[in-house]
C-alpha atoms as a PDB file:
ATOM      1  CA  MET A   1     -20.820   2.263  12.333  1.00  0.00           C
ATOM      2  CA  ALA A   2     -20.403  -0.904  10.269  1.00  0.00           C
ATOM      3  CA  GLN A   3     -16.886  -1.919   9.381  1.00  0.00           C
ATOM      4  CA  HIS A   4     -15.982  -1.848   5.696  1.00  0.00           C
ATOM      5  CA  PRO A   5     -15.661  -5.381   4.209  1.00  0.00           C
ATOM      6  CA  ILE A   6     -12.210  -4.604   2.777  1.00  0.00           C
ATOM      7  CA  TYR A   7     -10.801  -4.477   6.324  1.00  0.00           C
ATOM      8  CA  ARG A   8     -11.388  -8.229   6.702  1.00  0.00           C
ATOM      9  CA  MET A   9     -10.101  -9.050   3.218  1.00  0.00           C
ATOM     10  CA  SER A  10      -6.924 -11.118   3.182  1.00  0.00           C
ATOM     11  CA  PHE A  11      -3.931  -9.056   2.155  1.00  0.00           C
ATOM     12  CA  ALA A  12      -2.580 -12.233   0.524  1.00  0.00           C
ATOM     13  CA  LYS A  13      -5.529 -12.113  -1.913  1.00  0.00           C
ATOM     14  CA  VAL A  14      -4.978  -8.456  -2.770  1.00  0.00           C
ATOM     15  CA  TYR A  15      -1.191  -8.601  -3.030  1.00  0.00           C
ATOM     16  CA  PRO A  16      -1.096 -10.594  -6.312  1.00  0.00           C
ATOM     17  CA  LEU A  17      -3.533  -8.081  -7.808  1.00  0.00           C
ATOM     18  CA  LEU A  18      -1.211  -5.223  -6.865  1.00  0.00           C
ATOM     19  CA  VAL A  19       1.734  -7.073  -8.409  1.00  0.00           C
ATOM     20  CA  ALA A  20      -0.253  -7.927 -11.558  1.00  0.00           C
ATOM     21  CA  LYS A  21      -1.307  -4.297 -11.989  1.00  0.00           C
ATOM     22  CA  ALA A  22       2.319  -3.204 -11.832  1.00  0.00           C
ATOM     23  CA  GLU A  23       3.585  -6.006 -14.072  1.00  0.00           C
ATOM     24  CA  ARG A  24       0.984  -5.245 -16.773  1.00  0.00           C
ATOM     25  CA  LYS A  25       2.682  -1.873 -17.076  1.00  0.00           C
ATOM     26  CA  GLY A  26       6.210  -3.277 -17.203  1.00  0.00           C
ATOM     27  CA  ARG A  27       6.996  -2.823 -13.518  1.00  0.00           C
ATOM     28  CA  THR A  28       8.195  -5.524 -11.118  1.00  0.00           C
ATOM     29  CA  LYS A  29       7.134  -7.383  -7.991  1.00  0.00           C
ATOM     30  CA  ALA A  30      10.315  -6.061  -6.365  1.00  0.00           C
ATOM     31  CA  GLU A  31       9.106  -2.493  -6.931  1.00  0.00           C
ATOM     32  CA  VAL A  32       5.717  -3.321  -5.393  1.00  0.00           C
ATOM     33  CA  ASP A  33       7.527  -4.837  -2.409  1.00  0.00           C
ATOM     34  CA  GLN A  34       9.734  -1.746  -2.134  1.00  0.00           C
ATOM     35  CA  ILE A  35       6.608   0.432  -1.921  1.00  0.00           C
ATOM     36  CA  ILE A  36       5.132  -1.827   0.771  1.00  0.00           C
ATOM     37  CA  HIS A  37       8.421  -1.782   2.713  1.00  0.00           C
ATOM     38  CA  TRP A  38       8.583   2.021   2.511  1.00  0.00           C
ATOM     39  CA  LEU A  39       4.952   2.494   3.536  1.00  0.00           C
ATOM     40  CA  THR A  40       4.724  -0.065   6.355  1.00  0.00           C
ATOM     41  CA  GLY A  41       8.223  -0.835   7.564  1.00  0.00           C
ATOM     42  CA  TYR A  42       7.839  -4.558   6.835  1.00  0.00           C
ATOM     43  CA  ASP A  43      11.037  -6.164   5.582  1.00  0.00           C
ATOM     44  CA  GLN A  44      10.818  -8.962   3.009  1.00  0.00           C
ATOM     45  CA  GLU A  45      10.739 -11.733   5.600  1.00  0.00           C
ATOM     46  CA  ALA A  46       7.959 -10.071   7.615  1.00  0.00           C
ATOM     47  CA  LEU A  47       5.965  -9.304   4.462  1.00  0.00           C
ATOM     48  CA  SER A  48       6.247 -12.939   3.363  1.00  0.00           C
ATOM     49  CA  SER A  49       5.112 -14.033   6.818  1.00  0.00           C
ATOM     50  CA  GLN A  50       2.041 -11.779   6.684  1.00  0.00           C
ATOM     51  CA  LEU A  51       1.175 -13.160   3.255  1.00  0.00           C
ATOM     52  CA  ALA A  52       1.615 -16.769   4.435  1.00  0.00           C
ATOM     53  CA  LYS A  53      -0.661 -16.143   7.425  1.00  0.00           C
ATOM     54  CA  ASN A  54      -3.423 -14.696   5.202  1.00  0.00           C
ATOM     55  CA  THR A  55      -3.473 -11.645   7.434  1.00  0.00           C
ATOM     56  CA  ASP A  56      -6.415  -9.335   6.816  1.00  0.00           C
ATOM     57  CA  TYR A  57      -5.898  -5.697   5.847  1.00  0.00           C
ATOM     58  CA  GLU A  58      -6.778  -4.425   9.316  1.00  0.00           C
ATOM     59  CA  THR A  59      -4.204  -6.652  11.011  1.00  0.00           C
ATOM     60  CA  PHE A  60      -1.638  -6.055   8.261  1.00  0.00           C
ATOM     61  CA  PHE A  61      -1.634  -2.326   8.949  1.00  0.00           C
ATOM     62  CA  ALA A  62      -2.100  -2.672  12.724  1.00  0.00           C
ATOM     63  CA  GLN A  63       1.016  -4.870  12.920  1.00  0.00           C
ATOM     64  CA  ALA A  64       3.088  -2.739  10.550  1.00  0.00           C
ATOM     65  CA  PRO A  65       6.468  -2.266  12.202  1.00  0.00           C
ATOM     66  CA  ALA A  66       6.922   1.399  11.246  1.00  0.00           C
ATOM     67  CA  LEU A  67       4.322   3.264   9.221  1.00  0.00           C
ATOM     68  CA  ASN A  68       6.272   5.883   7.327  1.00  0.00           C
ATOM     69  CA  PRO A  69       5.435   9.370   8.643  1.00  0.00           C
ATOM     70  CA  ALA A  70       5.991  10.777   5.133  1.00  0.00           C
ATOM     71  CA  ARG A  71       2.900   8.877   3.951  1.00  0.00           C
ATOM     72  CA  ALA A  72       0.866  11.885   5.084  1.00  0.00           C
ATOM     73  CA  ASP A  73       2.358  13.708   2.082  1.00  0.00           C
ATOM     74  CA  ILE A  74       0.633  11.341  -0.359  1.00  0.00           C
ATOM     75  CA  ARG A  75      -1.909  13.301  -2.363  1.00  0.00           C
ATOM     76  CA  GLY A  76      -4.267  12.531  -5.193  1.00  0.00           C
ATOM     77  CA  THR A  77      -7.310  10.466  -5.992  1.00  0.00           C
ATOM     78  CA  VAL A  78      -8.075   6.774  -5.849  1.00  0.00           C
ATOM     79  CA  CYS A  79     -11.481   5.611  -7.021  1.00  0.00           C
ATOM     80  CA  GLY A  80     -12.506   9.248  -7.323  1.00  0.00           C
ATOM     81  CA  VAL A  81     -11.738  10.051  -3.681  1.00  0.00           C
ATOM     82  CA  ARG A  82      -8.884  12.276  -2.537  1.00  0.00           C
ATOM     83  CA  VAL A  83      -6.690  10.199  -0.231  1.00  0.00           C
ATOM     84  CA  GLU A  84      -5.810  13.168   1.928  1.00  0.00           C
ATOM     85  CA  ASP A  85      -9.525  13.737   2.661  1.00  0.00           C
ATOM     86  CA  ILE A  86     -10.337  10.205   3.858  1.00  0.00           C
ATOM     87  CA  ALA A  87     -11.445  10.416   7.486  1.00  0.00           C
ATOM     88  CA  GLU A  88     -11.253   6.722   8.414  1.00  0.00           C
ATOM     89  CA  PRO A  89      -7.582   6.028   9.301  1.00  0.00           C
ATOM     90  CA  LEU A  90      -7.487   2.400   8.125  1.00  0.00           C
ATOM     91  CA  MET A  91      -9.178   3.205   4.821  1.00  0.00           C
ATOM     92  CA  GLN A  92      -6.672   5.997   4.344  1.00  0.00           C
ATOM     93  CA  GLU A  93      -3.777   3.559   4.879  1.00  0.00           C
ATOM     94  CA  ILE A  94      -5.267   1.189   2.300  1.00  0.00           C
ATOM     95  CA  ARG A  95      -5.748   4.016  -0.186  1.00  0.00           C
ATOM     96  CA  TYR A  96      -2.204   5.292   0.383  1.00  0.00           C
ATOM     97  CA  LEU A  97      -0.972   1.900  -0.804  1.00  0.00           C
ATOM     98  CA  ASP A  98      -3.382   1.951  -3.748  1.00  0.00           C
ATOM     99  CA  LYS A  99      -2.210   5.427  -4.751  1.00  0.00           C
ATOM    100  CA  LEU A 100       1.468   4.478  -4.654  1.00  0.00           C
ATOM    101  CA  ILE A 101       0.829   1.360  -6.762  1.00  0.00           C
ATOM    102  CA  ASP A 102      -1.202   3.478  -9.209  1.00  0.00           C
ATOM    103  CA  GLU A 103       1.743   5.853  -9.576  1.00  0.00           C
ATOM    104  CA  LEU A 104       4.075   2.915 -10.173  1.00  0.00           C
ATOM    105  CA  ALA A 105       1.747   1.454 -12.807  1.00  0.00           C
ATOM    106  CA  ARG A 106       1.550   4.822 -14.537  1.00  0.00           C
ATOM    107  CA  GLY A 107       5.295   4.656 -15.119  1.00  0.00           C
ATOM    108  CA  ARG A 108       6.512   7.055 -12.489  1.00  0.00           C
ATOM    109  CA  ALA A 109      10.054   6.366 -11.282  1.00  0.00           C
ATOM    110  CA  ILE A 110      10.217   4.596  -7.920  1.00  0.00           C
ATOM    111  CA  ASP A 111      12.515   7.256  -6.469  1.00  0.00           C
ATOM    112  CA  LYS A 112      10.008   9.945  -7.456  1.00  0.00           C
ATOM    113  CA  ILE A 113       7.152   7.965  -5.896  1.00  0.00           C
ATOM    114  CA  LEU A 114       8.830   7.393  -2.547  1.00  0.00           C
ATOM    115  CA  TYR A 115      11.883   9.460  -1.868  1.00  0.00           C
ATOM    116  CA  HIS A 116      10.583  12.914  -2.678  1.00  0.00           C
ATOM    117  CA  ARG A 117       8.261  12.278   0.262  1.00  0.00           C
ATOM    118  CA  GLN A 118      11.034  11.598   2.776  1.00  0.00           C
ATOM    119  CA  ALA A 119      10.467  13.256   6.113  1.00  0.00           C
END
């Protein structure tokens, strides 16, 4: 099975798009970072390092220090696909992040996005 091109995409190229999406809706880079920290376990220094290294999506998630077990509670659609129904594990991780950023951009409170999903 051919690997999806997004897996080789640099996370450093996608990250500013995630931030811009949030900022267009009055949210902040710090909130985007908080979502990434919650989802992956990266602290700010490690996230900055991954961005500086132009790490691809596959490596970004493979090297995540502590993927949050509560991420399995993320439900909903991204690009018309239900995230909980995605069979490919890496694509599901990518879509979890997309879904959380979508919720942030829609104005949902950060504590409602993340902390109601605590394990």
